[in-house]
N, C-alpha and C. Protein backbone atom coordinates (compact mmCIF):
# COMPACT_ATOMS: atom_id res chain seq x y z
N UNK A 1 19.66 37.65 10.15
CA UNK A 1 19.76 36.28 9.73
C UNK A 1 20.04 35.34 10.90
N UNK A 2 19.79 34.00 10.77
CA UNK A 2 19.87 33.06 11.59
C UNK A 2 20.84 31.88 10.86
N UNK A 3 20.95 30.98 11.91
CA UNK A 3 21.82 29.64 11.38
C UNK A 3 21.15 28.93 11.67
N UNK A 4 20.57 27.74 10.26
CA UNK A 4 20.09 26.98 10.47
C UNK A 4 20.87 25.62 10.25
N UNK A 5 20.70 24.83 11.25
CA UNK A 5 21.23 23.14 11.21
C UNK A 5 20.68 22.36 10.39
N UNK A 6 21.24 21.86 9.52
CA UNK A 6 21.40 20.55 8.49
C UNK A 6 22.25 19.65 8.82
N UNK A 7 22.08 18.39 8.04
CA UNK A 7 22.47 17.02 8.36
C UNK A 7 23.79 17.59 7.26
N UNK A 8 24.51 16.73 7.67
CA UNK A 8 26.03 16.66 6.89
C UNK A 8 25.77 16.33 5.54
N UNK A 9 25.07 15.12 5.17
CA UNK A 9 24.58 14.76 4.11
C UNK A 9 23.94 15.42 3.02
N UNK A 10 22.85 16.45 3.81
CA UNK A 10 22.41 17.46 3.33
C UNK A 10 23.29 18.52 2.38
N UNK A 11 24.17 19.00 3.54
CA UNK A 11 25.09 20.20 3.16
C UNK A 11 26.11 19.74 2.22
N UNK A 12 26.53 18.53 2.10
CA UNK A 12 27.37 18.18 0.76
C UNK A 12 26.29 18.09 -0.48
N UNK A 13 24.97 17.88 -0.28
CA UNK A 13 24.37 17.96 -1.83
C UNK A 13 24.27 19.34 -1.91
N UNK A 14 24.00 20.04 -0.88
CA UNK A 14 23.68 21.52 -1.51
C UNK A 14 25.24 21.96 -2.13
N UNK A 15 26.61 21.55 -1.26
CA UNK A 15 27.75 22.07 -2.08
C UNK A 15 28.11 21.59 -3.52
N UNK A 16 27.39 20.44 -3.47
CA UNK A 16 27.53 19.71 -5.10
C UNK A 16 26.71 20.47 -5.87
N UNK A 17 25.27 20.68 -5.42
CA UNK A 17 24.30 21.15 -6.42
C UNK A 17 24.88 22.91 -6.67
N UNK A 18 25.32 23.38 -5.65
CA UNK A 18 25.75 24.79 -5.66
C UNK A 18 26.79 25.02 -6.74
N UNK A 19 27.88 24.22 -7.02
CA UNK A 19 28.76 24.16 -7.97
C UNK A 19 28.05 24.02 -9.56
N UNK A 20 27.23 23.13 -9.60
CA UNK A 20 26.66 22.91 -10.56
C UNK A 20 25.98 23.90 -11.05
N UNK A 21 25.11 24.70 -10.57
CA UNK A 21 24.40 25.84 -10.65
C UNK A 21 25.04 27.53 -10.39
N UNK A 22 26.39 27.18 -10.37
CA UNK A 22 27.02 28.21 -10.13
C UNK A 22 26.47 29.38 -9.06
N UNK A 23 26.33 28.90 -8.07
CA UNK A 23 25.89 29.53 -6.79
C UNK A 23 26.73 29.25 -5.58
N UNK A 24 26.56 30.22 -4.75
CA UNK A 24 27.26 30.06 -3.21
C UNK A 24 26.20 28.92 -2.66
N UNK A 25 26.90 28.30 -1.59
CA UNK A 25 25.93 27.35 -0.95
C UNK A 25 24.82 27.53 -0.26
N UNK A 26 25.12 29.10 0.47
CA UNK A 26 23.90 29.71 0.81
C UNK A 26 22.83 30.40 -0.39
N UNK A 27 23.12 30.54 -1.38
CA UNK A 27 22.29 30.82 -2.36
C UNK A 27 21.51 29.66 -3.04
N UNK A 28 22.06 28.81 -2.64
CA UNK A 28 21.81 27.42 -3.30
C UNK A 28 20.50 26.88 -2.30
N UNK A 29 21.19 26.97 -1.11
CA UNK A 29 19.93 26.63 0.03
C UNK A 29 18.64 27.75 0.06
N UNK A 30 19.01 28.82 -0.21
CA UNK A 30 17.84 29.75 -0.50
C UNK A 30 16.79 29.73 -1.61
N UNK A 31 17.74 28.96 -2.46
CA UNK A 31 16.54 28.82 -3.96
C UNK A 31 15.95 27.59 -3.28
N UNK A 32 16.54 26.41 -2.98
CA UNK A 32 15.76 25.44 -2.55
C UNK A 32 14.61 25.83 -1.32
N UNK A 33 14.89 26.28 -0.46
CA UNK A 33 13.87 26.80 0.63
C UNK A 33 12.74 27.45 0.00
N UNK A 34 13.33 28.67 -0.97
CA UNK A 34 12.04 29.39 -1.54
C UNK A 34 11.26 28.50 -2.73
N UNK A 35 12.01 27.92 -3.50
CA UNK A 35 11.08 27.02 -4.33
C UNK A 35 10.02 26.05 -3.67
N UNK A 36 10.80 25.40 -2.39
CA UNK A 36 9.73 24.49 -1.75
C UNK A 36 8.76 25.11 -0.85
N UNK A 37 9.06 26.52 -0.35
CA UNK A 37 7.98 26.94 0.11
C UNK A 37 6.81 27.44 -1.00
N UNK A 38 7.02 27.62 -2.42
CA UNK A 38 6.11 28.13 -3.41
C UNK A 38 5.76 26.75 -3.66
N UNK A 39 5.97 25.68 -3.67
CA UNK A 39 5.46 24.64 -4.17
C UNK A 39 4.60 24.03 -3.13
N UNK A 40 4.71 24.15 -1.83
CA UNK A 40 3.74 23.89 -0.82
C UNK A 40 2.56 24.90 -0.95
N UNK A 41 2.78 26.07 -1.25
CA UNK A 41 1.49 27.49 -1.13
C UNK A 41 0.89 27.26 -2.75
N UNK A 42 1.67 26.39 -3.73
CA UNK A 42 0.63 26.20 -4.86
C UNK A 42 0.87 24.68 -5.67
N UNK A 43 0.47 23.78 -4.72
CA UNK A 43 0.65 22.44 -5.42
C UNK A 43 -0.06 22.02 -6.47
N UNK A 44 -0.53 22.80 -7.10
CA UNK A 44 -1.24 22.48 -8.55
C UNK A 44 -0.17 22.96 -9.77
N UNK A 45 1.17 23.41 -9.18
CA UNK A 45 2.11 23.98 -10.26
C UNK A 45 2.70 22.94 -10.13
N UNK A 46 3.65 22.68 -11.58
CA UNK A 46 4.83 22.04 -11.50
C UNK A 46 5.99 22.62 -11.17
N UNK A 47 7.18 22.45 -11.20
CA UNK A 47 8.45 22.79 -11.05
C UNK A 47 8.85 24.11 -11.67
N UNK A 48 8.43 23.73 -13.17
CA UNK A 48 8.67 24.34 -14.39
C UNK A 48 7.83 25.86 -14.53
N UNK A 49 6.78 25.31 -13.92
CA UNK A 49 5.67 26.73 -13.87
C UNK A 49 5.85 27.52 -12.95
N UNK A 50 6.23 26.91 -11.44
CA UNK A 50 6.58 28.02 -10.42
C UNK A 50 7.87 28.58 -10.81
N UNK A 51 8.89 28.12 -11.86
CA UNK A 51 9.98 28.98 -12.23
C UNK A 51 9.48 29.93 -12.87
N UNK A 52 8.57 29.64 -14.31
CA UNK A 52 8.20 30.50 -15.03
C UNK A 52 7.78 31.52 -14.35
N UNK A 53 6.74 31.14 -13.49
CA UNK A 53 6.07 32.33 -12.68
C UNK A 53 6.92 33.18 -11.68
N UNK A 54 8.01 32.69 -11.54
CA UNK A 54 8.82 33.69 -10.47
C UNK A 54 9.52 34.59 -11.53
N UNK A 55 10.12 33.88 -13.06
CA UNK A 55 10.53 34.53 -14.03
C UNK A 55 9.79 36.02 -14.50
N UNK A 56 8.39 35.56 -14.71
CA UNK A 56 7.75 36.68 -15.19
C UNK A 56 7.28 37.77 -13.77
N UNK A 57 7.53 37.18 -12.99
CA UNK A 57 7.48 38.11 -11.60
C UNK A 57 8.52 39.25 -11.69
N UNK A 58 10.00 38.81 -12.02
CA UNK A 58 10.95 39.63 -12.22
C UNK A 58 11.42 40.21 -13.56
N UNK A 59 10.15 40.12 -14.43
CA UNK A 59 10.19 40.57 -15.72
C UNK A 59 11.42 40.28 -16.58
N UNK A 60 11.84 38.82 -16.36
CA UNK A 60 12.85 38.47 -17.35
C UNK A 60 12.14 38.19 -18.61
N UNK A 61 12.81 38.97 -19.69
CA UNK A 61 12.52 38.55 -21.18
C UNK A 61 12.98 37.50 -21.86
N UNK A 62 12.67 35.98 -21.83
CA UNK A 62 13.02 34.96 -21.69
C UNK A 62 12.91 35.07 -23.73
N UNK A 63 11.70 35.23 -24.00
CA UNK A 63 11.26 35.25 -25.67
C UNK A 63 12.18 36.02 -26.19
N UNK A 64 12.60 37.18 -25.75
CA UNK A 64 13.77 37.96 -26.53
C UNK A 64 15.03 37.23 -26.72
N UNK A 65 15.42 36.74 -25.45
CA UNK A 65 16.75 36.07 -25.69
C UNK A 65 16.73 35.14 -26.53
N UNK A 66 15.60 34.10 -26.43
CA UNK A 66 15.68 32.99 -27.39
C UNK A 66 15.45 33.42 -28.73
N UNK A 67 14.82 34.42 -29.30
CA UNK A 67 14.99 34.71 -30.81
C UNK A 67 16.16 35.32 -30.68
N UNK A 68 17.20 36.33 -30.13
CA UNK A 68 18.30 36.65 -30.44
C UNK A 68 19.39 35.47 -30.64
N UNK A 69 19.22 34.41 -29.76
CA UNK A 69 20.03 33.27 -30.24
C UNK A 69 20.29 32.58 -31.18
N UNK A 70 18.88 32.84 -32.15
CA UNK A 70 18.86 31.99 -33.06
C UNK A 70 19.74 32.41 -34.18
């Protein structure tokens, strides 16, 4: 594990975003980094498509949850 230096302004945005998303600051930074890498590797995909792709990869059953919540 290493240390990544970022600006104070970006750190503040990470802090605020992590509160909204119920993640630690490090988890939020990791999410942004991973999502950014996936976006660079797959420029034809939208953000929503990238997230859906990752949910499928982890075998998250969203359809069943949506049906149960009705």
